[in-house]
Protein backbone atom coordinates (compact mmCIF):
# COMPACT_ATOMS: atom_id res chain seq x y z
CA MET A 1 105.58 78.44 54.42
CA THR A 2 105.39 82.18 55.12
CA LEU A 3 107.56 82.86 52.09
CA LEU A 4 105.41 80.66 49.88
CA ILE A 5 102.13 82.25 50.99
CA THR A 6 103.37 85.82 50.54
CA VAL A 7 104.94 85.07 47.15
CA PHE A 8 101.64 83.61 45.93
CA ALA A 9 99.81 86.70 47.21
CA ALA A 10 102.39 88.95 45.54
CA VAL A 11 102.13 87.16 42.21
CA ILE A 12 98.32 87.21 42.25
CA SER A 13 98.17 90.91 43.15
CA THR A 14 100.77 91.73 40.49
CA VAL A 15 98.79 89.89 37.81
CA LEU A 16 95.63 91.73 38.87
CA TRP A 17 97.47 95.06 38.83
CA TYR A 18 98.99 94.35 35.43
CA ARG A 19 95.65 93.40 33.87
CA ARG A 20 93.95 96.63 34.95
CA LYS A 21 94.32 99.61 32.62
CA ASN A 22 94.21 102.18 35.43
CA ASP A 23 95.20 101.90 39.06
CA ASP A 24 92.08 103.43 40.58
CA MET A 25 91.88 100.63 43.16
CA ARG A 26 95.49 101.24 44.25
CA LEU A 27 96.57 97.65 43.50
CA GLY A 28 100.14 98.91 43.13
CA THR A 29 100.19 99.55 46.88
CA LEU A 30 99.04 96.01 47.52
CA CYS A 31 101.79 94.68 45.24
CA PHE A 32 104.43 96.64 47.13
CA LEU A 33 103.15 95.35 50.46
CA PHE A 34 103.21 91.72 49.34
CA TRP A 35 106.56 91.93 47.52
CA GLY A 36 108.09 93.67 50.55
CA ALA A 37 106.84 90.90 52.83
CA SER A 38 108.15 88.30 50.38
CA LEU A 39 111.56 89.92 50.38
CA MET A 40 111.56 89.98 54.18
CA TRP A 41 110.69 86.26 54.37
CA LEU A 42 113.32 85.44 51.73
CA VAL A 43 116.03 87.07 53.84
CA ASP A 44 114.68 85.24 56.89
CA ALA A 45 114.80 81.91 54.99
CA ILE A 46 118.39 82.53 53.89
CA PHE A 47 119.55 83.21 57.43
CA GLU A 48 117.56 80.28 58.82
CA TYR A 49 119.08 77.96 56.20
CA ALA A 50 122.56 79.23 57.09
CA GLU A 51 121.85 78.31 60.70
CA LEU A 52 120.08 74.96 60.26
CA LYS A 53 121.66 73.63 57.03
CA GLU A 54 119.84 70.49 55.81
CA ALA A 55 117.50 70.44 58.83
CA TYR A 56 115.84 73.49 57.26
CA PHE A 57 114.15 71.22 54.71
CA THR A 58 112.54 68.88 57.28
CA PRO A 59 110.48 71.10 59.60
CA ALA A 60 108.17 69.69 62.23
CA LEU A 61 104.43 69.72 61.55
CA GLU A 62 103.91 72.23 64.37
CA ASP A 63 106.41 74.61 62.76
CA LEU A 64 104.63 74.32 59.41
CA ILE A 65 101.27 75.13 60.99
CA ASN A 66 102.71 78.09 62.89
CA ASP A 67 104.39 79.40 59.74
CA SER A 68 101.14 79.01 57.80
CA PHE A 69 99.22 81.03 60.38
CA LEU A 70 101.92 83.68 60.35
CA GLY A 71 101.87 83.86 56.55
CA LEU A 72 98.09 84.17 56.46
CA SER A 73 98.26 86.83 59.17
CA VAL A 74 100.73 88.85 57.13
CA VAL A 75 98.49 88.61 54.06
CA ALA A 76 95.46 89.64 56.12
CA LEU A 77 97.33 92.61 57.63
CA ALA A 78 98.45 93.77 54.18
CA LEU A 79 94.86 93.52 52.93
CA VAL A 80 93.63 95.58 55.90
CA ILE A 81 96.29 98.25 55.28
CA TRP A 82 95.35 98.35 51.58
CA LEU A 83 91.64 98.57 52.39
CA VAL A 84 92.13 101.43 54.86
CA ARG A 85 94.26 103.30 52.31
CA LEU A 86 91.61 102.68 49.67
CA LEU A 87 88.83 103.95 51.92
CA ILE A 88 90.81 107.06 52.84
CA SER A 89 91.70 107.91 49.23
CA ASP A 90 88.17 107.01 48.03
CA PRO A 91 88.99 106.92 44.29
CA LYS A 92 85.41 106.49 43.10
CA GLY A 93 83.83 108.83 45.66
CA SER A 94 81.65 106.09 47.12
CA VAL A 95 82.42 106.82 50.76
CA ARG A 96 82.00 110.57 50.29
CA SER A 97 78.62 110.18 48.56
CA ALA A 98 77.39 107.75 51.22
CA LEU A 99 78.42 110.14 53.99
CA THR A 100 76.85 113.19 52.34
CA LYS A 101 73.64 111.23 51.66
CA GLN A 102 73.50 110.16 55.31
CA LEU A 103 74.17 113.69 56.55
CA SER A 104 71.57 115.27 54.25
CA GLY A 105 68.97 112.67 55.28
CA GLN A 106 69.11 113.67 58.95
């Protein structure tokens, strides 16, 4: 489930990145984060399949729920990392103008 969730996030972010003419929102970084997580979960799935064989395809409901929460947590963490990077780089100058307006108003 973690692999599926991160692959969907990677595909969606890649489509969004590809459709934009410029990368002012740093969507490329988001793509790399999601594709890296997808690659990590793919390797994990390969090793888990090597260990469990056919039992890999019949997980318990509790394992599916735990994997779903983990996958959503990974997506949320990647989004937080991307957002922090976006706020630090401030490509449109929005944060800088808000801070200077607030400082000049005092």
